[in-house]
Protein backbone atom coordinates (compact mmCIF):
# COMPACT_ATOMS: atom_id res chain seq x y z
CA MET A 1 4.47 34.51 63.12
CA VAL A 2 3.14 33.99 59.61
CA ASP A 3 -0.46 35.02 59.00
CA VAL A 4 -1.70 32.91 56.09
CA THR A 5 -5.34 32.38 56.98
CA SER A 6 -6.83 35.72 57.79
CA LYS A 7 -6.88 39.45 57.25
CA THR A 8 -6.22 40.21 60.90
CA GLN A 9 -5.35 43.84 61.50
CA LEU A 10 -1.82 44.67 62.61
CA ASP A 11 -3.03 46.24 65.84
CA ALA A 12 -4.27 42.82 67.02
CA TYR A 13 -0.74 41.44 66.70
CA GLU A 14 0.70 44.58 68.27
CA ALA A 15 -1.53 44.00 71.30
CA LEU A 16 -0.20 40.43 71.52
CA ARG A 17 3.34 41.79 71.13
CA VAL A 18 4.19 39.39 68.29
CA PRO A 19 7.79 40.41 67.50
CA GLU A 20 7.73 39.66 63.77
CA LEU A 21 4.86 39.13 61.37
CA TRP A 22 5.01 37.90 57.78
CA ARG A 23 2.06 38.48 55.47
CA TYR A 24 1.83 37.18 51.92
CA GLU A 25 -0.66 38.85 49.63
CA ASN A 26 -0.91 39.42 45.89
CA GLY A 27 2.42 37.73 45.19
CA LYS A 28 4.34 39.83 47.71
CA LEU A 29 5.75 38.99 51.12
CA GLN A 30 5.63 41.77 53.68
CA ILE A 31 7.67 41.52 56.87
CA ASN A 32 6.65 43.67 59.82
CA ILE A 33 8.92 44.05 62.85
CA LEU A 34 7.56 45.27 66.18
CA GLN A 35 9.47 48.33 67.39
CA ASP A 36 8.36 50.48 70.30
CA GLY A 37 4.94 48.78 70.26
CA LYS A 38 4.24 49.48 66.56
CA TYR A 39 5.01 47.55 63.39
CA ILE A 40 7.39 48.85 60.81
CA GLU A 41 7.84 47.24 57.41
CA SER A 42 11.22 45.63 56.89
CA GLU A 43 13.06 44.17 53.91
CA ILE A 44 14.76 41.62 56.16
CA SER A 45 13.63 39.27 58.89
CA SER A 46 15.13 39.79 62.32
CA THR A 47 15.02 36.01 62.71
CA PHE A 48 16.49 35.11 59.32
CA PHE A 49 18.54 38.26 58.75
CA ASN A 50 21.06 36.48 56.52
CA LEU A 51 18.45 35.15 54.05
CA PRO A 52 16.72 37.14 51.28
CA ILE A 53 13.27 36.00 52.50
CA VAL A 54 11.26 38.82 50.84
CA GLU A 55 12.64 37.85 47.44
CA VAL A 56 12.68 34.07 47.79
CA ILE A 57 9.34 33.23 49.43
CA PRO A 58 7.23 34.54 46.52
CA GLN A 59 9.33 32.44 44.13
CA PHE A 60 8.71 29.28 46.14
CA VAL A 61 4.99 30.06 46.47
CA GLU A 62 4.74 30.33 42.68
CA GLN A 63 6.77 27.15 42.27
CA SER A 64 4.35 25.29 44.56
CA ARG A 65 1.51 26.09 42.17
CA THR A 66 3.20 24.17 39.38
CA LEU A 67 5.35 21.56 41.15
CA GLY A 68 3.13 20.96 44.16
CA ARG A 69 3.55 21.56 47.84
CA SER A 70 5.74 18.57 48.78
CA SER A 71 8.29 19.11 46.01
CA THR A 72 8.47 22.81 46.75
CA LEU A 73 8.93 22.26 50.49
CA ARG A 74 11.81 19.87 49.77
CA ALA A 75 13.37 22.42 47.41
CA PHE A 76 12.94 25.18 50.00
CA ARG A 77 14.58 23.09 52.73
CA GLN A 78 17.50 22.34 50.41
CA TRP A 79 17.84 26.03 49.59
CA VAL A 80 17.88 26.97 53.31
CA ARG A 81 20.50 24.30 54.06
CA LYS A 82 22.65 25.54 51.19
CA GLN A 83 22.40 29.14 52.49
CA ASN A 84 23.53 28.05 55.94
CA THR A 85 26.42 25.89 54.76
CA PRO A 86 29.83 27.58 54.97
CA THR A 87 31.65 27.71 51.65
């Protein structure tokens, strides 16, 4: 789950047992993984463990401010495809 619209407290998501939560604030992406009923901060996503999400998402967010949302989404999709293509 990505929380982009609110400042909901982590305990609300813990109660819902949301397994992974991404929060973007002040130019930084924070990934929280639910373990034993509590969130711990993680540098990697358990869903996208092979992608450097924490580093890349802020770059694309900044890019969207100058290039626009549609162009940035296309660039992000291309980047994801490239990461998942065997070399």
